[in-house]
Amino acid sequence: MGLFSFLNQEIAIDLGTANTLIIENDKVVVDEPSIIAKNRTTGAVIAIGKRAMQMHGKTHEEIKTIRPLKDGVIADFQAAEEMIRGFIKMINEGKRKMFGPSNIRMVICIPSGITQVEMRAVKDSAEHAGAKEVRMIQEPMAAAIGIGIDVEEPQGNMVIDIGGGTSEIAVIALGGIVCDKSIRVAGDEFTSDIEEYMRRQHNILVGERTAERIKIAVGAAIPELEDPPANMAVHGRDLMTGIPKEIEVSYTEIAHCLDKSISKIEAAILSALEMTPPELSADIYRTGIYLAGGGSMLRGLDKRISQKTKLPVHVADDPLKAVARGTGIALKNFDRFQFLIK
């Protein structure tokens, strides 16, 4: 450790479509929704994270809320940069800087199906937000490390990371991704399915935040659950009368409306299994499939995937933080995992 090593700040970022998590010194220091609120006229940032999320869908014409990431990649470059800068400021707010700003070294996780242009956008946003050095690690690899899999072993493991914008399916062995499949069907798609279903089936218009709450409260992947959640009262605007109204929804209805999107994820899993070399297939038969990411918390999803693939399915202990935790471990043991970090 050098004399001025305390001036260097090392942070691991899981820059997600729905949530951004930042880990520093093995601790989650930021866990906020990936959203920013700005003034339309001046372009000034009004709020980021949870405060901006409270404004989402409730703004007047002077304020707009932006989700800078779409489908796991940056859709709004400037908003992404301002959001990252705001999150870094949150970490450093409690610390008094004696020697001015520190050198920030970042490891950011990216979807495995990302293009060079999209990767460049992530790197540029982080550098403009104040990072001196920016490295990347692929999400499925970070998820595997976060779950506790020894990625360097000559053994095949299948990891599925269902996030907000993308579902990443990868077979990992010997510290590399042997075959992977990345599809843009994940948590956000589930949310829009629920919005669409409410409009079509119940003639009620609900916003994105309400649809998200429905997904968390009564979301399910299969129509028969052993421990079913209670029905949920949903408030929205009646499409016929225009008057606010309340209806009740059950988990079986939501399981029915999410069926098509979950089928797409199942098809991608089967496609990835077809591409897997036979020796690794034998390993996966023994070890099963590991699920990470917020989407894997959908009730009964592990059971449904298990029925489809005839393989055991394990959900990570804290699926929301698995990718961020893995990125943090890779950063802490940089010399050991150097070959994974681009």
Protein backbone atom coordinates (compact mmCIF):
# COMPACT_ATOMS: atom_id res chain seq x y z
CA MET A 1 0.00 0.00 0.00
CA GLY A 2 1.43 3.35 -1.04
CA LEU A 3 1.65 6.41 1.17
CA PHE A 4 -1.23 8.14 -0.63
CA SER A 5 -3.33 5.01 -1.26
CA PHE A 6 -6.08 6.50 0.92
CA LEU A 7 -6.52 9.12 -1.79
CA ASN A 8 -7.60 6.39 -4.19
CA GLN A 9 -11.22 5.34 -4.09
CA GLU A 10 -12.19 1.94 -5.49
CA ILE A 11 -15.85 1.31 -6.23
CA ALA A 12 -17.77 -1.50 -7.91
CA ILE A 13 -20.95 -0.52 -9.79
CA ASP A 14 -23.86 -2.66 -10.91
CA LEU A 15 -25.36 -0.14 -13.33
CA GLY A 16 -28.77 -1.72 -13.86
CA THR A 17 -31.78 -0.71 -15.93
CA ALA A 18 -33.98 -0.66 -12.82
CA ASN A 19 -31.54 -0.23 -9.91
CA THR A 20 -27.96 0.89 -9.43
CA LEU A 21 -25.88 -0.62 -6.64
CA ILE A 22 -22.46 0.66 -5.61
CA ILE A 23 -20.09 -1.30 -3.38
CA GLU A 24 -17.13 0.24 -1.58
CA ASN A 25 -14.95 -1.67 0.91
CA ASP A 26 -17.29 -4.72 0.75
CA LYS A 27 -20.29 -2.60 1.78
CA VAL A 28 -23.30 -1.60 -0.31
CA VAL A 29 -23.07 2.20 -0.08
CA VAL A 30 -25.70 3.05 -2.74
CA ASP A 31 -28.83 1.07 -3.59
CA GLU A 32 -31.08 3.37 -5.59
CA PRO A 33 -33.45 3.19 -8.59
CA SER A 34 -31.74 4.15 -11.88
CA ILE A 35 -33.76 7.29 -12.51
CA ILE A 36 -33.14 11.03 -12.60
CA ALA A 37 -35.50 14.05 -12.48
CA LYS A 38 -34.57 17.22 -14.38
CA ASN A 39 -35.96 20.68 -14.98
CA ARG A 40 -37.03 20.89 -18.65
CA THR A 41 -36.20 24.59 -18.99
CA THR A 42 -32.84 24.86 -17.24
CA GLY A 43 -31.72 21.22 -17.55
CA ALA A 44 -30.78 21.25 -13.84
CA VAL A 45 -30.91 17.96 -11.93
CA ILE A 46 -33.70 18.08 -9.34
CA ALA A 47 -33.41 14.58 -7.87
CA ILE A 48 -31.87 11.15 -8.46
CA GLY A 49 -32.63 7.67 -7.18
CA LYS A 50 -35.49 7.17 -4.71
CA ARG A 51 -36.56 10.83 -4.68
CA ALA A 52 -36.77 10.90 -8.48
CA MET A 53 -38.69 7.60 -8.42
CA GLN A 54 -41.34 9.19 -6.16
CA MET A 55 -41.84 11.84 -8.87
CA HIS A 56 -42.05 9.31 -11.73
CA GLY A 57 -45.45 9.49 -13.43
CA LYS A 58 -46.52 12.44 -11.26
CA THR A 59 -44.64 15.34 -12.82
CA HIS A 60 -45.92 18.62 -14.31
CA GLU A 61 -44.56 20.01 -17.58
CA GLU A 62 -41.59 21.74 -15.94
CA ILE A 63 -40.13 18.48 -14.61
CA LYS A 64 -39.27 15.33 -16.54
CA THR A 65 -38.08 12.02 -15.16
CA ILE A 66 -35.59 10.02 -17.22
CA ARG A 67 -34.48 6.42 -16.92
CA PRO A 68 -31.05 6.68 -18.61
CA LEU A 69 -30.71 2.93 -19.20
CA LYS A 70 -32.88 0.82 -21.45
CA ASP A 71 -32.45 -2.92 -22.04
CA GLY A 72 -29.25 -2.94 -19.96
CA VAL A 73 -27.50 -0.26 -22.03
CA ILE A 74 -27.28 3.54 -21.90
CA ALA A 75 -30.08 5.22 -23.84
CA ASP A 76 -29.50 8.79 -22.59
CA PHE A 77 -25.79 9.57 -22.36
CA GLN A 78 -25.99 12.90 -20.52
CA ALA A 79 -28.58 11.71 -17.98
CA ALA A 80 -26.50 8.57 -17.27
CA GLU A 81 -23.41 10.69 -16.61
CA GLU A 82 -25.32 13.02 -14.25
CA MET A 83 -26.85 10.04 -12.46
CA ILE A 84 -23.47 8.32 -11.91
CA ARG A 85 -21.99 11.63 -10.70
CA GLY A 86 -24.90 12.06 -8.27
CA PHE A 87 -24.48 8.54 -6.87
CA ILE A 88 -20.72 9.07 -6.36
CA LYS A 89 -21.54 12.32 -4.56
CA MET A 90 -23.88 10.35 -2.26
CA ILE A 91 -20.99 8.07 -1.22
CA ASN A 92 -18.66 10.97 -0.51
CA GLU A 93 -21.17 13.23 1.27
CA GLY A 94 -20.35 11.78 4.69
CA LYS A 95 -16.60 11.99 4.20
CA ARG A 96 -14.63 15.15 4.75
CA LYS A 97 -12.00 15.51 2.09
CA MET A 98 -8.75 16.82 3.51
CA PHE A 99 -6.76 16.45 0.31
CA GLY A 100 -9.41 17.34 -2.27
CA PRO A 101 -10.98 14.86 -4.69
CA SER A 102 -9.69 11.29 -4.74
CA ASN A 103 -8.76 9.19 -7.75
CA ILE A 104 -11.73 6.97 -8.49
CA ARG A 105 -11.15 3.52 -9.90
CA MET A 106 -14.35 1.78 -11.07
CA VAL A 107 -15.34 -1.70 -12.12
CA ILE A 108 -18.73 -1.66 -13.85
CA CYS A 109 -20.63 -4.77 -14.87
CA ILE A 110 -22.11 -4.93 -18.37
CA PRO A 111 -24.48 -7.33 -20.19
CA SER A 112 -22.68 -10.11 -22.08
CA GLY A 113 -24.50 -9.27 -25.34
CA ILE A 114 -23.36 -5.63 -25.35
CA THR A 115 -21.83 -4.07 -28.50
CA GLN A 116 -18.52 -2.16 -28.62
CA VAL A 117 -20.40 1.13 -29.10
CA GLU A 118 -22.63 0.47 -26.07
CA MET A 119 -19.56 -0.50 -24.02
CA ARG A 120 -17.86 2.75 -25.03
CA ALA A 121 -20.93 4.73 -23.89
CA VAL A 122 -20.73 3.16 -20.40
CA LYS A 123 -17.00 3.89 -20.18
CA ASP A 124 -17.35 7.50 -21.38
CA SER A 125 -20.24 8.19 -18.96
CA ALA A 126 -18.19 6.91 -16.02
CA GLU A 127 -15.10 8.89 -17.07
CA HIS A 128 -17.11 12.10 -17.51
CA ALA A 129 -18.61 11.47 -14.05
CA GLY A 130 -15.11 11.65 -12.55
CA ALA A 131 -13.55 8.17 -12.78
CA LYS A 132 -9.81 8.02 -13.47
CA GLU A 133 -9.84 4.33 -14.44
CA VAL A 134 -12.84 2.35 -15.68
CA ARG A 135 -12.87 -1.42 -16.11
CA MET A 136 -15.70 -3.76 -17.17
CA ILE A 137 -16.81 -7.21 -16.08
CA GLN A 138 -19.59 -9.24 -17.71
CA GLU A 139 -22.78 -9.58 -15.64
CA PRO A 140 -23.10 -13.41 -15.69
CA MET A 141 -19.48 -13.72 -14.54
CA ALA A 142 -20.03 -11.16 -11.75
CA ALA A 143 -23.24 -13.00 -10.74
CA ALA A 144 -21.37 -16.34 -10.59
CA ILE A 145 -18.66 -14.84 -8.34
CA GLY A 146 -21.34 -13.17 -6.18
CA ILE A 147 -23.25 -16.46 -5.78
CA GLY A 148 -20.05 -18.11 -4.55
CA ILE A 149 -19.19 -20.30 -7.56
CA ASP A 150 -15.47 -20.96 -8.12
CA VAL A 151 -15.35 -19.70 -11.71
CA GLU A 152 -11.77 -20.87 -12.29
CA GLU A 153 -12.57 -24.55 -11.78
CA PRO A 154 -12.73 -26.86 -14.84
CA GLN A 155 -16.42 -27.41 -14.15
CA GLY A 156 -19.45 -26.14 -16.01
CA ASN A 157 -21.97 -23.90 -14.23
CA MET A 158 -25.02 -22.27 -15.77
CA VAL A 159 -25.89 -18.83 -14.41
CA ILE A 160 -29.02 -16.89 -15.33
CA ASP A 161 -29.17 -13.23 -14.35
CA ILE A 162 -32.66 -11.78 -14.84
CA GLY A 163 -32.34 -8.05 -14.34
CA GLY A 164 -34.51 -5.09 -15.27
CA GLY A 165 -33.66 -4.80 -18.98
CA THR A 166 -31.93 -8.05 -19.95
CA SER A 167 -31.84 -11.73 -19.06
CA GLU A 168 -28.28 -13.04 -19.27
CA ILE A 169 -27.81 -16.78 -19.62
CA ALA A 170 -24.24 -18.09 -19.55
CA VAL A 171 -22.34 -21.33 -19.14
CA ILE A 172 -19.12 -20.64 -17.24
CA ALA A 173 -16.01 -22.82 -16.94
CA LEU A 174 -12.27 -22.19 -16.42
CA GLY A 175 -12.77 -18.49 -15.77
CA GLY A 176 -14.56 -17.78 -19.03
CA ILE A 177 -17.98 -17.77 -20.66
CA VAL A 178 -18.21 -20.83 -22.93
CA CYS A 179 -21.60 -19.98 -24.42
CA ASP A 180 -24.07 -17.26 -23.62
CA LYS A 181 -27.44 -15.91 -24.62
CA SER A 182 -28.61 -12.40 -23.83
CA ILE A 183 -32.25 -11.46 -24.45
CA ARG A 184 -33.98 -8.16 -23.81
CA VAL A 185 -36.86 -9.71 -21.89
CA ALA A 186 -36.69 -9.18 -18.12
CA GLY A 187 -38.25 -7.24 -15.23
CA ASP A 188 -39.26 -4.19 -17.30
CA GLU A 189 -41.00 -6.43 -19.82
CA PHE A 190 -42.94 -8.07 -16.97
CA THR A 191 -44.02 -4.61 -15.77
CA SER A 192 -45.26 -3.54 -19.21
CA ASP A 193 -47.08 -6.90 -19.57
CA ILE A 194 -48.98 -6.09 -16.36
CA GLU A 195 -49.84 -2.55 -17.58
CA GLU A 196 -51.13 -3.98 -20.86
CA TYR A 197 -53.12 -6.73 -19.10
CA MET A 198 -54.82 -4.22 -16.76
CA ARG A 199 -55.83 -2.10 -19.73
CA ARG A 200 -57.07 -5.00 -21.83
CA GLN A 201 -58.68 -7.20 -19.19
CA HIS A 202 -59.97 -4.74 -16.59
CA ASN A 203 -60.34 -1.53 -18.63
CA ILE A 204 -58.18 0.26 -16.09
CA LEU A 205 -55.14 2.41 -16.80
CA VAL A 206 -52.27 2.00 -14.32
CA GLY A 207 -48.86 3.65 -14.32
CA GLU A 208 -45.45 2.02 -14.42
CA ARG A 209 -44.92 2.38 -10.66
CA THR A 210 -48.27 0.73 -9.86
CA ALA A 211 -47.52 -2.13 -12.29
CA GLU A 212 -44.15 -2.58 -10.55
CA ARG A 213 -45.89 -2.77 -7.16
CA ILE A 214 -48.33 -5.38 -8.52
CA LYS A 215 -45.37 -7.44 -9.79
CA ILE A 216 -43.69 -7.36 -6.38
CA ALA A 217 -46.88 -7.98 -4.34
CA VAL A 218 -48.66 -10.66 -6.41
CA GLY A 219 -46.28 -11.50 -9.28
CA ALA A 220 -45.97 -15.22 -10.04
CA ALA A 221 -44.63 -17.47 -12.79
CA ILE A 222 -46.96 -20.42 -12.17
CA PRO A 223 -50.74 -20.40 -11.45
CA GLU A 224 -50.52 -22.86 -8.52
CA LEU A 225 -48.36 -21.76 -5.61
CA GLU A 226 -47.95 -23.56 -2.28
CA ASP A 227 -47.82 -20.30 -0.35
CA PRO A 228 -49.94 -17.86 -2.39
CA PRO A 229 -49.88 -14.09 -1.71
CA ALA A 230 -53.13 -12.33 -0.79
CA ASN A 231 -55.09 -10.52 -3.51
CA MET A 232 -54.04 -6.93 -4.11
CA ALA A 233 -56.25 -3.84 -4.43
CA VAL A 234 -55.19 -1.84 -7.51
CA HIS A 235 -56.10 1.79 -8.14
CA GLY A 236 -56.11 3.39 -11.56
CA ARG A 237 -58.19 5.30 -14.10
CA ASP A 238 -61.28 3.67 -15.59
CA LEU A 239 -60.93 3.79 -19.39
CA MET A 240 -64.70 3.96 -19.95
CA THR A 241 -65.65 6.70 -17.48
CA GLY A 242 -62.28 8.38 -16.82
CA ILE A 243 -62.99 8.16 -13.07
CA PRO A 244 -60.45 6.64 -10.62
CA LYS A 245 -61.46 3.13 -9.55
CA GLU A 246 -60.27 0.14 -7.56
CA ILE A 247 -60.10 -3.51 -8.60
CA GLU A 248 -58.64 -6.65 -7.01
CA VAL A 249 -56.05 -8.80 -8.75
CA SER A 250 -54.83 -12.27 -7.82
CA TYR A 251 -51.49 -13.94 -8.42
CA THR A 252 -53.08 -16.44 -10.87
CA GLU A 253 -54.09 -13.55 -13.15
CA ILE A 254 -50.57 -12.13 -13.08
CA ALA A 255 -49.07 -15.59 -13.75
CA HIS A 256 -51.32 -15.80 -16.81
CA CYS A 257 -50.33 -12.35 -18.11
CA LEU A 258 -46.57 -12.96 -17.64
CA ASP A 259 -46.69 -16.36 -19.33
CA LYS A 260 -45.59 -15.17 -22.79
CA SER A 261 -42.52 -13.27 -21.55
CA ILE A 262 -41.42 -16.12 -19.26
CA SER A 263 -41.78 -18.53 -22.22
CA LYS A 264 -39.26 -16.36 -24.14
CA ILE A 265 -36.77 -16.68 -21.25
CA GLU A 266 -37.35 -20.47 -21.17
CA ALA A 267 -36.70 -20.68 -24.93
CA ALA A 268 -33.43 -18.76 -24.48
CA ILE A 269 -32.36 -21.13 -21.67
CA LEU A 270 -33.06 -24.17 -23.87
CA SER A 271 -31.15 -22.52 -26.73
CA ALA A 272 -28.12 -21.93 -24.44
CA LEU A 273 -28.28 -25.56 -23.24
CA GLU A 274 -28.28 -26.74 -26.88
CA MET A 275 -25.05 -24.80 -27.54
CA THR A 276 -23.30 -26.24 -24.47
CA PRO A 277 -20.46 -28.73 -25.10
CA PRO A 278 -21.37 -32.27 -23.89
CA GLU A 279 -18.78 -32.41 -21.06
CA LEU A 280 -20.16 -29.18 -19.60
CA SER A 281 -23.74 -30.43 -20.06
CA ALA A 282 -22.81 -33.38 -17.84
CA ASP A 283 -21.55 -30.94 -15.17
CA ILE A 284 -24.74 -28.82 -15.39
CA TYR A 285 -26.84 -31.97 -14.94
CA ARG A 286 -25.07 -32.45 -11.60
CA THR A 287 -24.82 -28.83 -10.42
CA GLY A 288 -28.09 -27.44 -11.86
CA ILE A 289 -28.90 -23.86 -12.81
CA TYR A 290 -28.22 -20.77 -10.66
CA LEU A 291 -30.61 -17.80 -10.74
CA ALA A 292 -29.64 -14.23 -9.83
CA GLY A 293 -31.02 -10.72 -10.40
CA GLY A 294 -34.28 -9.12 -9.25
CA GLY A 295 -36.38 -11.00 -11.82
CA SER A 296 -35.45 -14.34 -10.24
CA MET A 297 -37.46 -13.32 -7.13
CA LEU A 298 -40.70 -13.83 -9.10
CA ARG A 299 -42.67 -16.47 -7.20
CA GLY A 300 -42.46 -19.97 -8.68
CA LEU A 301 -40.00 -19.01 -11.44
CA ASP A 302 -37.37 -21.50 -10.20
CA LYS A 303 -40.01 -24.26 -10.17
CA ARG A 304 -41.18 -23.39 -13.69
CA ILE A 305 -37.63 -23.40 -15.13
CA SER A 306 -36.93 -26.66 -13.32
CA GLN A 307 -40.04 -28.28 -14.86
CA LYS A 308 -39.03 -27.07 -18.32
CA THR A 309 -35.36 -28.13 -18.19
CA LYS A 310 -35.70 -31.14 -15.82
CA LEU A 311 -32.72 -29.70 -13.92
CA PRO A 312 -32.38 -28.50 -10.32
CA VAL A 313 -32.65 -24.69 -10.05
CA HIS A 314 -31.05 -22.72 -7.20
CA VAL A 315 -31.91 -19.08 -6.44
CA ALA A 316 -29.05 -16.96 -5.02
CA ASP A 317 -29.29 -15.95 -1.34
CA ASP A 318 -29.72 -12.26 -2.10
CA PRO A 319 -30.43 -12.26 -5.85
CA LEU A 320 -30.73 -8.45 -6.14
CA LYS A 321 -27.20 -7.91 -4.82
CA ALA A 322 -25.46 -10.99 -6.34
CA VAL A 323 -24.06 -9.14 -9.38
CA ALA A 324 -22.92 -6.12 -7.33
CA ARG A 325 -21.36 -8.40 -4.71
CA GLY A 326 -19.48 -10.33 -7.41
CA THR A 327 -18.23 -7.08 -8.97
CA GLY A 328 -17.03 -5.98 -5.52
CA ILE A 329 -15.19 -9.29 -4.96
CA ALA A 330 -13.55 -9.03 -8.40
CA LEU A 331 -12.38 -5.48 -7.60
CA LYS A 332 -11.06 -6.44 -4.16
CA ASN A 333 -9.16 -9.44 -5.58
CA PHE A 334 -8.12 -7.55 -8.69
CA ASP A 335 -4.88 -9.50 -9.23
CA ARG A 336 -6.68 -12.84 -9.06
CA PHE A 337 -9.59 -11.85 -11.35
CA GLN A 338 -7.60 -9.57 -13.65
CA PHE A 339 -8.26 -11.85 -16.63
CA LEU A 340 -12.05 -11.30 -16.24
CA ILE A 341 -11.89 -7.52 -16.06
CA LYS A 342 -11.54 -5.75 -19.40
